[in-house]
Amino acid sequence: MKNIIFDLDGTLFNTFYLHTSCLKEVYMQIYNTDITDLKILKNNKSTIWLQIQSIFGKETKMAMNLYILKFCNKVQNGELHDFINVSYYLNKLITEHKVNLHLFTGRDTITTSSILNYFHIQSLFNTIFCCDEEKLCSKNISNIFNNMEQIIYITDSIKEIQELEAYNIQTFLAKWFLHYSVNYNNSISNIENFLEVIE
């Protein structure tokens, strides 16, 4: 049976604007000044924790707690939109294509659960792997993938795809939310395109 592993941010949901607005609000609350979009992008990291650590330094723990609170409130207020009808397509993969679904994200457990619960999709994943605090996803990749066969990994990150080449995993670059031009052989521009590939 195929195992499909999804990234979350930029793949299943376009969290970019919500994430950025939360970082700006937290920065203003802690330092009483604005943070630029450029500084946020320059401090983009593989996990939310590492990005916040890079921006806030010794204030990391407080900043992370404030970020989680603000992000979850925004999700519950309906500020994160379901652009690609995630629940419908994930259910279709399970029922029609008989695949196991897994989630692998650089986001923390609390905000990840907030998103999945709001859109009623948490139960669709066999495995949900999040990155809390200083635990890096890359250290745990092999543990997750060793017990799976026929793995397909879908992400919006070229860096993640390059890291996974060592594990001989079939990867697809999700381009439906990308704000920049990326060239990659296995690019998919819409979810229907991906379902065709699965078939």
N, C-alpha and C. Protein backbone atom coordinates (compact mmCIF):
# COMPACT_ATOMS: atom_id res chain seq x y z
N MET A 1 0.84 -1.19 0.00
CA MET A 1 0.00 0.00 0.00
C MET A 1 0.88 1.25 0.00
N LYS A 2 0.48 2.25 -0.79
CA LYS A 2 1.24 3.49 -0.86
C LYS A 2 1.11 4.29 0.43
N ASN A 3 2.19 4.94 0.80
CA ASN A 3 2.22 5.86 1.93
C ASN A 3 2.50 7.26 1.38
N ILE A 4 1.56 8.15 1.55
CA ILE A 4 1.74 9.52 1.08
C ILE A 4 1.98 10.42 2.28
N ILE A 5 3.11 11.10 2.26
CA ILE A 5 3.48 12.00 3.35
C ILE A 5 3.34 13.43 2.87
N PHE A 6 2.55 14.21 3.57
CA PHE A 6 2.33 15.60 3.22
C PHE A 6 3.08 16.53 4.17
N ASP A 7 3.66 17.56 3.59
CA ASP A 7 4.08 18.71 4.36
C ASP A 7 2.79 19.51 4.67
N LEU A 8 2.83 20.40 5.63
CA LEU A 8 1.63 21.16 6.00
C LEU A 8 1.65 22.57 5.44
N ASP A 9 2.60 23.39 5.92
CA ASP A 9 2.65 24.79 5.51
C ASP A 9 3.05 24.93 4.05
N GLY A 10 2.21 25.58 3.27
CA GLY A 10 2.50 25.78 1.86
C GLY A 10 2.13 24.61 0.98
N THR A 11 1.71 23.51 1.59
CA THR A 11 1.33 22.32 0.82
C THR A 11 -0.15 22.02 1.02
N LEU A 12 -0.55 21.71 2.24
CA LEU A 12 -1.98 21.49 2.50
C LEU A 12 -2.71 22.80 2.77
N PHE A 13 -1.99 23.75 3.35
CA PHE A 13 -2.61 25.05 3.66
C PHE A 13 -1.64 26.18 3.36
N ASN A 14 -2.18 27.27 2.88
CA ASN A 14 -1.38 28.46 2.65
C ASN A 14 -1.35 29.28 3.93
N THR A 15 -0.42 28.93 4.80
CA THR A 15 -0.33 29.56 6.12
C THR A 15 0.56 30.80 6.13
N PHE A 16 1.12 31.15 4.99
CA PHE A 16 2.14 32.20 4.92
C PHE A 16 1.69 33.52 5.56
N TYR A 17 0.54 34.01 5.14
CA TYR A 17 0.10 35.33 5.61
C TYR A 17 -0.29 35.30 7.09
N LEU A 18 -0.92 34.22 7.50
CA LEU A 18 -1.31 34.08 8.91
C LEU A 18 -0.06 33.99 9.79
N HIS A 19 0.89 33.20 9.35
CA HIS A 19 2.15 33.03 10.08
C HIS A 19 2.90 34.36 10.20
N THR A 20 3.00 35.07 9.09
CA THR A 20 3.72 36.34 9.08
C THR A 20 3.04 37.37 9.97
N SER A 21 1.72 37.45 9.92
CA SER A 21 1.01 38.44 10.73
C SER A 21 1.18 38.13 12.22
N CYS A 22 1.22 36.86 12.59
CA CYS A 22 1.44 36.48 14.00
C CYS A 22 2.84 36.87 14.45
N LEU A 23 3.83 36.63 13.61
CA LEU A 23 5.20 37.01 13.95
C LEU A 23 5.31 38.52 14.15
N LYS A 24 4.64 39.29 13.30
CA LYS A 24 4.68 40.75 13.40
C LYS A 24 4.02 41.23 14.69
N GLU A 25 2.89 40.61 15.04
CA GLU A 25 2.19 40.99 16.26
C GLU A 25 3.03 40.66 17.51
N VAL A 26 3.66 39.50 17.50
CA VAL A 26 4.50 39.10 18.63
C VAL A 26 5.70 40.04 18.76
N TYR A 27 6.31 40.36 17.63
CA TYR A 27 7.48 41.25 17.64
C TYR A 27 7.11 42.62 18.20
N MET A 28 5.97 43.13 17.78
CA MET A 28 5.50 44.42 18.28
C MET A 28 5.22 44.35 19.78
N GLN A 29 4.63 43.25 20.22
CA GLN A 29 4.28 43.09 21.63
C GLN A 29 5.52 43.03 22.51
N ILE A 30 6.57 42.37 22.03
CA ILE A 30 7.79 42.20 22.83
C ILE A 30 8.71 43.41 22.74
N TYR A 31 8.90 43.93 21.52
CA TYR A 31 9.90 44.99 21.32
C TYR A 31 9.30 46.38 21.06
N ASN A 32 7.97 46.43 20.93
CA ASN A 32 7.28 47.70 20.68
C ASN A 32 7.79 48.40 19.42
N THR A 33 8.10 47.60 18.40
CA THR A 33 8.52 48.13 17.11
C THR A 33 8.16 47.12 16.03
N ASP A 34 8.17 47.55 14.77
CA ASP A 34 7.79 46.67 13.66
C ASP A 34 8.96 45.80 13.23
N ILE A 35 8.63 44.64 12.68
CA ILE A 35 9.62 43.81 12.02
C ILE A 35 9.29 43.79 10.53
N THR A 36 10.29 43.88 9.69
CA THR A 36 10.04 43.94 8.25
C THR A 36 9.82 42.55 7.67
N ASP A 37 9.13 42.50 6.53
CA ASP A 37 8.94 41.23 5.83
C ASP A 37 10.30 40.63 5.45
N LEU A 38 11.24 41.50 5.09
CA LEU A 38 12.57 41.03 4.68
C LEU A 38 13.28 40.32 5.83
N LYS A 39 13.17 40.87 7.04
CA LYS A 39 13.81 40.23 8.19
C LYS A 39 13.16 38.88 8.48
N ILE A 40 11.85 38.78 8.32
CA ILE A 40 11.16 37.50 8.52
C ILE A 40 11.65 36.48 7.51
N LEU A 41 11.73 36.88 6.24
CA LEU A 41 12.17 35.97 5.19
C LEU A 41 13.64 35.57 5.37
N LYS A 42 14.48 36.52 5.79
CA LYS A 42 15.89 36.21 6.00
C LYS A 42 16.09 35.21 7.13
N ASN A 43 15.15 35.19 8.05
CA ASN A 43 15.24 34.26 9.19
C ASN A 43 14.35 33.04 9.01
N ASN A 44 13.97 32.76 7.77
CA ASN A 44 13.16 31.57 7.50
C ASN A 44 13.99 30.32 7.75
N LYS A 45 13.43 29.39 8.53
CA LYS A 45 14.16 28.17 8.89
C LYS A 45 13.30 26.94 8.62
N SER A 46 13.85 25.77 8.90
CA SER A 46 13.14 24.52 8.61
C SER A 46 12.00 24.26 9.58
N THR A 47 12.02 24.89 10.75
CA THR A 47 10.92 24.72 11.71
C THR A 47 10.50 26.09 12.24
N ILE A 48 9.27 26.16 12.74
CA ILE A 48 8.75 27.40 13.31
C ILE A 48 9.60 27.80 14.52
N TRP A 49 9.94 26.81 15.36
CA TRP A 49 10.73 27.08 16.55
C TRP A 49 12.07 27.72 16.19
N LEU A 50 12.76 27.17 15.19
CA LEU A 50 14.07 27.71 14.80
C LEU A 50 13.94 29.11 14.22
N GLN A 51 12.86 29.37 13.49
CA GLN A 51 12.67 30.71 12.95
C GLN A 51 12.45 31.72 14.08
N ILE A 52 11.62 31.35 15.03
CA ILE A 52 11.35 32.24 16.16
C ILE A 52 12.62 32.43 16.99
N GLN A 53 13.37 31.37 17.17
CA GLN A 53 14.64 31.46 17.90
C GLN A 53 15.61 32.41 17.19
N SER A 54 15.64 32.33 15.86
CA SER A 54 16.52 33.17 15.07
C SER A 54 16.14 34.65 15.16
N ILE A 55 14.83 34.92 15.25
CA ILE A 55 14.35 36.30 15.31
C ILE A 55 14.40 36.87 16.73
N PHE A 56 14.00 36.05 17.71
CA PHE A 56 13.78 36.58 19.06
C PHE A 56 14.90 36.28 20.07
N GLY A 57 15.81 35.38 19.72
CA GLY A 57 16.94 35.12 20.61
C GLY A 57 16.53 34.71 22.01
N LYS A 58 16.98 35.44 23.01
CA LYS A 58 16.71 35.07 24.40
C LYS A 58 15.24 35.15 24.78
N GLU A 59 14.44 35.81 23.93
CA GLU A 59 13.00 35.90 24.19
C GLU A 59 12.22 34.79 23.50
N THR A 60 12.93 33.76 23.03
CA THR A 60 12.32 32.71 22.20
C THR A 60 11.12 32.05 22.87
N LYS A 61 11.28 31.63 24.11
CA LYS A 61 10.21 30.87 24.77
C LYS A 61 8.95 31.72 24.91
N MET A 62 9.10 32.97 25.32
CA MET A 62 7.95 33.86 25.44
C MET A 62 7.33 34.13 24.07
N ALA A 63 8.19 34.36 23.08
CA ALA A 63 7.71 34.64 21.72
C ALA A 63 6.94 33.44 21.16
N MET A 64 7.45 32.24 21.41
CA MET A 64 6.78 31.03 20.92
C MET A 64 5.41 30.87 21.56
N ASN A 65 5.32 31.11 22.86
CA ASN A 65 4.03 30.99 23.54
C ASN A 65 3.02 32.01 23.02
N LEU A 66 3.48 33.24 22.79
CA LEU A 66 2.61 34.28 22.24
C LEU A 66 2.19 33.94 20.82
N TYR A 67 3.14 33.44 20.03
CA TYR A 67 2.86 33.05 18.64
C TYR A 67 1.78 31.96 18.59
N ILE A 68 1.94 30.94 19.42
CA ILE A 68 0.98 29.83 19.45
C ILE A 68 -0.42 30.35 19.78
N LEU A 69 -0.51 31.19 20.79
CA LEU A 69 -1.79 31.74 21.21
C LEU A 69 -2.44 32.55 20.08
N LYS A 70 -1.67 33.41 19.46
CA LYS A 70 -2.21 34.27 18.39
C LYS A 70 -2.59 33.43 17.16
N PHE A 71 -1.74 32.48 16.81
CA PHE A 71 -2.01 31.66 15.62
C PHE A 71 -3.28 30.83 15.81
N CYS A 72 -3.40 30.18 16.96
CA CYS A 72 -4.57 29.33 17.22
C CYS A 72 -5.86 30.17 17.24
N ASN A 73 -5.80 31.36 17.82
CA ASN A 73 -6.97 32.24 17.84
C ASN A 73 -7.40 32.63 16.43
N LYS A 74 -6.42 32.91 15.58
CA LYS A 74 -6.73 33.30 14.21
C LYS A 74 -7.34 32.13 13.43
N VAL A 75 -6.81 30.93 13.66
CA VAL A 75 -7.37 29.74 13.00
C VAL A 75 -8.81 29.54 13.44
N GLN A 76 -9.07 29.62 14.75
CA GLN A 76 -10.42 29.42 15.28
C GLN A 76 -11.38 30.52 14.82
N ASN A 77 -10.85 31.69 14.48
CA ASN A 77 -11.67 32.79 13.97
C ASN A 77 -11.89 32.71 12.46
N GLY A 78 -11.42 31.61 11.86
CA GLY A 78 -11.66 31.39 10.44
C GLY A 78 -10.75 32.17 9.51
N GLU A 79 -9.58 32.58 10.00
CA GLU A 79 -8.68 33.40 9.17
C GLU A 79 -7.77 32.57 8.28
N LEU A 80 -7.75 31.25 8.46
CA LEU A 80 -7.00 30.37 7.57
C LEU A 80 -8.00 29.70 6.65
N HIS A 81 -7.85 29.92 5.35
CA HIS A 81 -8.84 29.43 4.40
C HIS A 81 -8.40 28.11 3.77
N ASP A 82 -9.38 27.28 3.47
CA ASP A 82 -9.16 25.97 2.86
C ASP A 82 -9.22 26.13 1.34
N PHE A 83 -8.12 26.54 0.74
CA PHE A 83 -8.13 26.89 -0.68
C PHE A 83 -8.32 25.70 -1.62
N ILE A 84 -7.83 24.55 -1.23
CA ILE A 84 -7.88 23.41 -2.17
C ILE A 84 -8.81 22.30 -1.69
N ASN A 85 -9.75 22.62 -0.79
CA ASN A 85 -10.71 21.63 -0.31
C ASN A 85 -9.98 20.39 0.21
N VAL A 86 -9.14 20.61 1.17
CA VAL A 86 -8.23 19.59 1.69
C VAL A 86 -8.95 18.32 2.13
N SER A 87 -10.00 18.47 2.93
CA SER A 87 -10.70 17.31 3.48
C SER A 87 -11.23 16.41 2.37
N TYR A 88 -11.82 16.99 1.37
CA TYR A 88 -12.39 16.22 0.25
C TYR A 88 -11.32 15.38 -0.43
N TYR A 89 -10.19 16.00 -0.76
CA TYR A 89 -9.15 15.29 -1.50
C TYR A 89 -8.40 14.26 -0.65
N LEU A 90 -8.21 14.55 0.61
CA LEU A 90 -7.57 13.57 1.48
C LEU A 90 -8.45 12.34 1.65
N ASN A 91 -9.75 12.57 1.83
CA ASN A 91 -10.69 11.44 1.91
C ASN A 91 -10.72 10.64 0.63
N LYS A 92 -10.61 11.33 -0.49
CA LYS A 92 -10.60 10.65 -1.80
C LYS A 92 -9.36 9.76 -1.93
N LEU A 93 -8.23 10.25 -1.47
CA LEU A 93 -7.00 9.44 -1.52
C LEU A 93 -7.16 8.16 -0.70
N ILE A 94 -7.82 8.29 0.46
CA ILE A 94 -7.99 7.13 1.34
C ILE A 94 -9.00 6.15 0.78
N THR A 95 -10.16 6.65 0.38
CA THR A 95 -11.26 5.77 -0.03
C THR A 95 -11.11 5.20 -1.44
N GLU A 96 -10.65 6.03 -2.37
CA GLU A 96 -10.57 5.58 -3.76
C GLU A 96 -9.21 5.01 -4.13
N HIS A 97 -8.16 5.52 -3.49
CA HIS A 97 -6.82 5.09 -3.87
C HIS A 97 -6.15 4.21 -2.81
N LYS A 98 -6.85 4.02 -1.69
CA LYS A 98 -6.40 3.09 -0.64
C LYS A 98 -4.97 3.36 -0.18
N VAL A 99 -4.70 4.60 0.14
CA VAL A 99 -3.36 4.95 0.61
C VAL A 99 -3.38 5.29 2.09
N ASN A 100 -2.23 5.18 2.72
CA ASN A 100 -2.05 5.65 4.09
C ASN A 100 -1.53 7.07 4.03
N LEU A 101 -2.12 7.95 4.80
CA LEU A 101 -1.69 9.35 4.81
C LEU A 101 -0.89 9.65 6.07
N HIS A 102 0.15 10.45 5.90
CA HIS A 102 0.98 10.87 7.02
C HIS A 102 1.27 12.36 6.89
N LEU A 103 1.51 13.00 8.02
CA LEU A 103 1.83 14.43 8.01
C LEU A 103 3.19 14.64 8.66
N PHE A 104 4.03 15.39 7.97
CA PHE A 104 5.37 15.66 8.46
C PHE A 104 5.59 17.16 8.36
N THR A 105 5.64 17.85 9.50
CA THR A 105 5.67 19.31 9.47
C THR A 105 6.71 19.91 10.41
N GLY A 106 7.24 21.03 10.01
CA GLY A 106 8.16 21.79 10.85
C GLY A 106 7.43 22.71 11.82
N ARG A 107 6.12 22.56 11.89
CA ARG A 107 5.28 23.36 12.80
C ARG A 107 5.14 22.63 14.13
N ASP A 108 4.88 23.39 15.19
CA ASP A 108 4.72 22.80 16.52
C ASP A 108 3.40 22.02 16.63
N THR A 109 3.32 21.19 17.66
CA THR A 109 2.15 20.32 17.85
C THR A 109 0.85 21.09 18.07
N ILE A 110 0.92 22.17 18.85
CA ILE A 110 -0.31 22.88 19.23
C ILE A 110 -0.94 23.58 18.03
N THR A 111 -0.15 24.35 17.27
CA THR A 111 -0.75 25.04 16.11
C THR A 111 -1.12 24.06 15.00
N THR A 112 -0.36 22.97 14.89
CA THR A 112 -0.71 21.93 13.91
C THR A 112 -2.07 21.33 14.26
N SER A 113 -2.27 20.97 15.52
CA SER A 113 -3.55 20.40 15.96
C SER A 113 -4.69 21.39 15.77
N SER A 114 -4.40 22.65 15.99
CA SER A 114 -5.42 23.69 15.81
C SER A 114 -5.92 23.70 14.37
N ILE A 115 -5.01 23.63 13.42
CA ILE A 115 -5.39 23.60 12.00
C ILE A 115 -6.16 22.33 11.66
N LEU A 116 -5.60 21.19 12.05
CA LEU A 116 -6.21 19.91 11.68
C LEU A 116 -7.59 19.74 12.30
N ASN A 117 -7.74 20.15 13.55
CA ASN A 117 -9.04 20.03 14.22
C ASN A 117 -10.07 20.98 13.63
N TYR A 118 -9.66 22.19 13.29
CA TYR A 118 -10.59 23.17 12.73
C TYR A 118 -11.17 22.66 11.41
N PHE A 119 -10.33 22.00 10.61
CA PHE A 119 -10.78 21.50 9.31
C PHE A 119 -11.18 20.02 9.35
N HIS A 120 -11.23 19.45 10.56
CA HIS A 120 -11.71 18.08 10.78
C HIS A 120 -10.94 17.03 9.96
N ILE A 121 -9.63 17.14 9.95
CA ILE A 121 -8.85 16.18 9.16
C ILE A 121 -7.79 15.45 9.99
N GLN A 122 -7.72 15.70 11.29
CA GLN A 122 -6.68 15.07 12.11
C GLN A 122 -6.75 13.55 12.05
N SER A 123 -7.96 13.00 12.06
CA SER A 123 -8.15 11.54 12.08
C SER A 123 -7.78 10.87 10.76
N LEU A 124 -7.56 11.65 9.71
CA LEU A 124 -7.25 11.06 8.41
C LEU A 124 -5.79 10.61 8.29
N PHE A 125 -4.95 11.08 9.22
CA PHE A 125 -3.52 10.76 9.14
C PHE A 125 -3.15 9.62 10.08
N ASN A 126 -2.44 8.64 9.52
CA ASN A 126 -1.94 7.53 10.34
C ASN A 126 -0.85 8.01 11.30
N THR A 127 -0.02 8.93 10.80
CA THR A 127 1.08 9.46 11.60
C THR A 127 1.11 10.98 11.45
N ILE A 128 1.30 11.67 12.56
CA ILE A 128 1.48 13.13 12.52
C ILE A 128 2.77 13.44 13.26
N PHE A 129 3.74 13.96 12.52
CA PHE A 129 5.02 14.30 13.14
C PHE A 129 5.23 15.80 13.11
N CYS A 130 5.38 16.40 14.28
CA CYS A 130 5.60 17.84 14.41
C CYS A 130 6.98 18.10 14.99
N CYS A 131 7.42 19.34 14.90
CA CYS A 131 8.73 19.72 15.43
C CYS A 131 8.54 20.75 16.53
N ASP A 132 8.67 20.31 17.76
CA ASP A 132 8.54 21.20 18.90
C ASP A 132 9.90 21.57 19.45
N GLU A 133 10.03 22.82 19.82
CA GLU A 133 11.25 23.35 20.42
C GLU A 133 12.48 23.01 19.57
N GLU A 134 13.51 22.43 20.16
CA GLU A 134 14.77 22.29 19.44
C GLU A 134 14.90 20.97 18.68
N LYS A 135 13.85 20.18 18.68
CA LYS A 135 13.91 18.91 17.97
C LYS A 135 13.83 19.16 16.47
N LEU A 136 14.84 18.76 15.74
CA LEU A 136 14.87 19.01 14.30
C LEU A 136 14.28 17.84 13.54
N CYS A 137 13.48 18.16 12.54
CA CYS A 137 12.84 17.11 11.74
C CYS A 137 13.86 16.19 11.09
N SER A 138 14.94 16.77 10.60
CA SER A 138 15.91 15.97 9.84
C SER A 138 16.50 14.82 10.65
N LYS A 139 16.57 14.98 11.96
CA LYS A 139 17.12 13.93 12.81
C LYS A 139 16.19 12.73 12.92
N ASN A 140 14.94 12.93 12.59
CA ASN A 140 13.95 11.87 12.80
C ASN A 140 13.39 11.30 11.50
N ILE A 141 13.87 11.80 10.38
CA ILE A 141 13.36 11.35 9.09
C ILE A 141 13.55 9.84 8.91
N SER A 142 14.75 9.35 9.18
CA SER A 142 15.03 7.94 8.94
C SER A 142 14.15 7.04 9.79
N ASN A 143 13.87 7.44 11.03
CA ASN A 143 13.01 6.62 11.90
C ASN A 143 11.60 6.48 11.34
N ILE A 144 11.12 7.55 10.72
CA ILE A 144 9.77 7.53 10.16
C ILE A 144 9.71 6.69 8.90
N PHE A 145 10.71 6.87 8.03
CA PHE A 145 10.65 6.26 6.71
C PHE A 145 11.08 4.79 6.68
N ASN A 146 11.84 4.34 7.67
CA ASN A 146 12.37 2.98 7.65
C ASN A 146 11.29 1.91 7.60
N ASN A 147 10.15 2.17 8.24
CA ASN A 147 9.10 1.15 8.33
C ASN A 147 8.01 1.31 7.27
N MET A 148 8.25 2.17 6.27
CA MET A 148 7.25 2.38 5.23
C MET A 148 7.74 1.89 3.88
N GLU A 149 6.78 1.47 3.07
CA GLU A 149 7.08 1.08 1.70
C GLU A 149 6.27 1.96 0.75
N GLN A 150 6.74 2.06 -0.49
CA GLN A 150 6.05 2.86 -1.52
C GLN A 150 5.71 4.27 -1.00
N ILE A 151 6.75 5.00 -0.65
CA ILE A 151 6.56 6.33 -0.07
C ILE A 151 6.53 7.41 -1.15
N ILE A 152 5.55 8.28 -1.04
CA ILE A 152 5.49 9.50 -1.86
C ILE A 152 5.46 10.68 -0.90
N TYR A 153 6.34 11.64 -1.12
CA TYR A 153 6.41 12.79 -0.23
C TYR A 153 6.07 14.05 -1.02
N ILE A 154 5.15 14.86 -0.48
CA ILE A 154 4.71 16.08 -1.17
C ILE A 154 5.02 17.29 -0.30
N THR A 155 5.76 18.23 -0.84
CA THR A 155 6.16 19.42 -0.09
C THR A 155 6.30 20.60 -1.05
N ASP A 156 6.34 21.80 -0.50
CA ASP A 156 6.60 22.99 -1.31
C ASP A 156 8.06 23.43 -1.18
N SER A 157 8.87 22.60 -0.53
CA SER A 157 10.26 22.98 -0.24
C SER A 157 11.26 22.17 -1.06
N ILE A 158 11.99 22.88 -1.91
CA ILE A 158 13.06 22.23 -2.67
C ILE A 158 14.13 21.68 -1.74
N LYS A 159 14.42 22.39 -0.66
CA LYS A 159 15.43 21.94 0.31
C LYS A 159 15.05 20.59 0.90
N GLU A 160 13.78 20.43 1.27
CA GLU A 160 13.33 19.14 1.83
C GLU A 160 13.46 18.04 0.79
N ILE A 161 13.12 18.35 -0.46
CA ILE A 161 13.22 17.36 -1.53
C ILE A 161 14.68 16.91 -1.70
N GLN A 162 15.59 17.84 -1.66
CA GLN A 162 17.02 17.51 -1.78
C GLN A 162 17.49 16.63 -0.63
N GLU A 163 17.00 16.92 0.59
CA GLU A 163 17.37 16.12 1.75
C GLU A 163 16.85 14.69 1.65
N LEU A 164 15.69 14.53 1.01
CA LEU A 164 15.06 13.22 0.94
C LEU A 164 15.61 12.34 -0.17
N GLU A 165 16.40 12.92 -1.05
CA GLU A 165 16.99 12.13 -2.14
C GLU A 165 17.84 10.98 -1.59
N ALA A 166 18.41 11.19 -0.43
CA ALA A 166 19.26 10.16 0.19
C ALA A 166 18.45 8.93 0.60
N TYR A 167 17.13 9.10 0.75
CA TYR A 167 16.29 7.99 1.20
C TYR A 167 15.55 7.30 0.06
N ASN A 168 15.88 7.69 -1.18
CA ASN A 168 15.27 7.07 -2.35
C ASN A 168 13.74 7.12 -2.30
N ILE A 169 13.23 8.30 -1.97
CA ILE A 169 11.79 8.50 -1.85
C ILE A 169 11.29 9.32 -3.04
N GLN A 170 10.16 8.91 -3.58
CA GLN A 170 9.57 9.68 -4.69
C GLN A 170 8.98 10.98 -4.13
N THR A 171 9.40 12.08 -4.69
CA THR A 171 8.96 13.38 -4.18
C THR A 171 8.23 14.17 -5.25
N PHE A 172 7.30 15.01 -4.78
CA PHE A 172 6.59 15.93 -5.66
C PHE A 172 6.62 17.32 -5.05
N LEU A 173 6.84 18.30 -5.90
CA LEU A 173 6.84 19.69 -5.46
C LEU A 173 5.46 20.28 -5.68
N ALA A 174 4.79 20.65 -4.59
CA ALA A 174 3.45 21.26 -4.68
C ALA A 174 3.61 22.73 -5.03
N LYS A 175 3.05 23.14 -6.16
CA LYS A 175 3.25 24.52 -6.63
C LYS A 175 1.99 25.37 -6.55
N TRP A 176 0.93 24.84 -5.91
CA TRP A 176 -0.32 25.61 -5.93
C TRP A 176 -0.27 26.86 -5.07
N PHE A 177 0.61 26.90 -4.08
CA PHE A 177 0.71 28.08 -3.22
C PHE A 177 1.99 28.86 -3.42
N LEU A 178 2.90 28.36 -4.24
CA LEU A 178 4.23 28.97 -4.35
C LEU A 178 4.15 30.40 -4.89
N HIS A 179 4.90 31.28 -4.25
CA HIS A 179 4.95 32.67 -4.69
C HIS A 179 6.21 32.95 -5.51
N TYR A 180 6.90 31.91 -5.88
CA TYR A 180 8.12 32.09 -6.66
C TYR A 180 8.22 30.96 -7.68
N SER A 181 9.05 31.18 -8.69
CA SER A 181 9.18 30.19 -9.76
C SER A 181 10.24 29.16 -9.39
N VAL A 182 9.85 27.90 -9.42
CA VAL A 182 10.78 26.82 -9.08
C VAL A 182 10.73 25.78 -10.19
N ASN A 183 11.89 25.34 -10.63
CA ASN A 183 11.95 24.30 -11.65
C ASN A 183 12.28 22.96 -10.99
N TYR A 184 11.39 22.01 -11.16
CA TYR A 184 11.60 20.66 -10.62
C TYR A 184 10.78 19.70 -11.47
N ASN A 185 11.37 18.59 -11.85
CA ASN A 185 10.72 17.66 -12.78
C ASN A 185 9.35 17.19 -12.30
N ASN A 186 9.26 16.81 -11.03
CA ASN A 186 8.00 16.31 -10.49
C ASN A 186 7.18 17.41 -9.81
N SER A 187 6.90 18.47 -10.55
CA SER A 187 6.08 19.55 -10.01
C SER A 187 4.61 19.28 -10.30
N ILE A 188 3.76 19.60 -9.34
CA ILE A 188 2.32 19.46 -9.54
C ILE A 188 1.67 20.79 -9.22
N SER A 189 0.90 21.29 -10.18
CA SER A 189 0.34 22.64 -10.04
C SER A 189 -1.06 22.64 -9.44
N ASN A 190 -1.70 21.48 -9.38
CA ASN A 190 -3.02 21.41 -8.74
C ASN A 190 -3.25 20.00 -8.22
N ILE A 191 -4.19 19.86 -7.32
CA ILE A 191 -4.43 18.57 -6.66
C ILE A 191 -4.98 17.53 -7.62
N GLU A 192 -5.76 17.96 -8.62
CA GLU A 192 -6.27 17.00 -9.61
C GLU A 192 -5.12 16.40 -10.40
N ASN A 193 -4.14 17.21 -10.71
CA ASN A 193 -2.94 16.75 -11.39
C ASN A 193 -2.25 15.66 -10.58
N PHE A 194 -2.19 15.85 -9.26
CA PHE A 194 -1.57 14.87 -8.40
C PHE A 194 -2.36 13.57 -8.37
N LEU A 195 -3.70 13.66 -8.31
CA LEU A 195 -4.52 12.45 -8.30
C LEU A 195 -4.35 11.64 -9.58
N GLU A 196 -4.13 12.34 -10.69
CA GLU A 196 -3.87 11.65 -11.94
C GLU A 196 -2.56 10.86 -11.86
N VAL A 197 -1.56 11.48 -11.22
CA VAL A 197 -0.26 10.82 -11.06
C VAL A 197 -0.43 9.56 -10.19
N ILE A 198 -1.21 9.68 -9.13
CA ILE A 198 -1.43 8.53 -8.23
C ILE A 198 -2.09 7.39 -8.99
N GLU A 199 -3.06 7.70 -9.82
CA GLU A 199 -3.76 6.67 -10.58
C GLU A 199 -2.82 5.97 -11.55
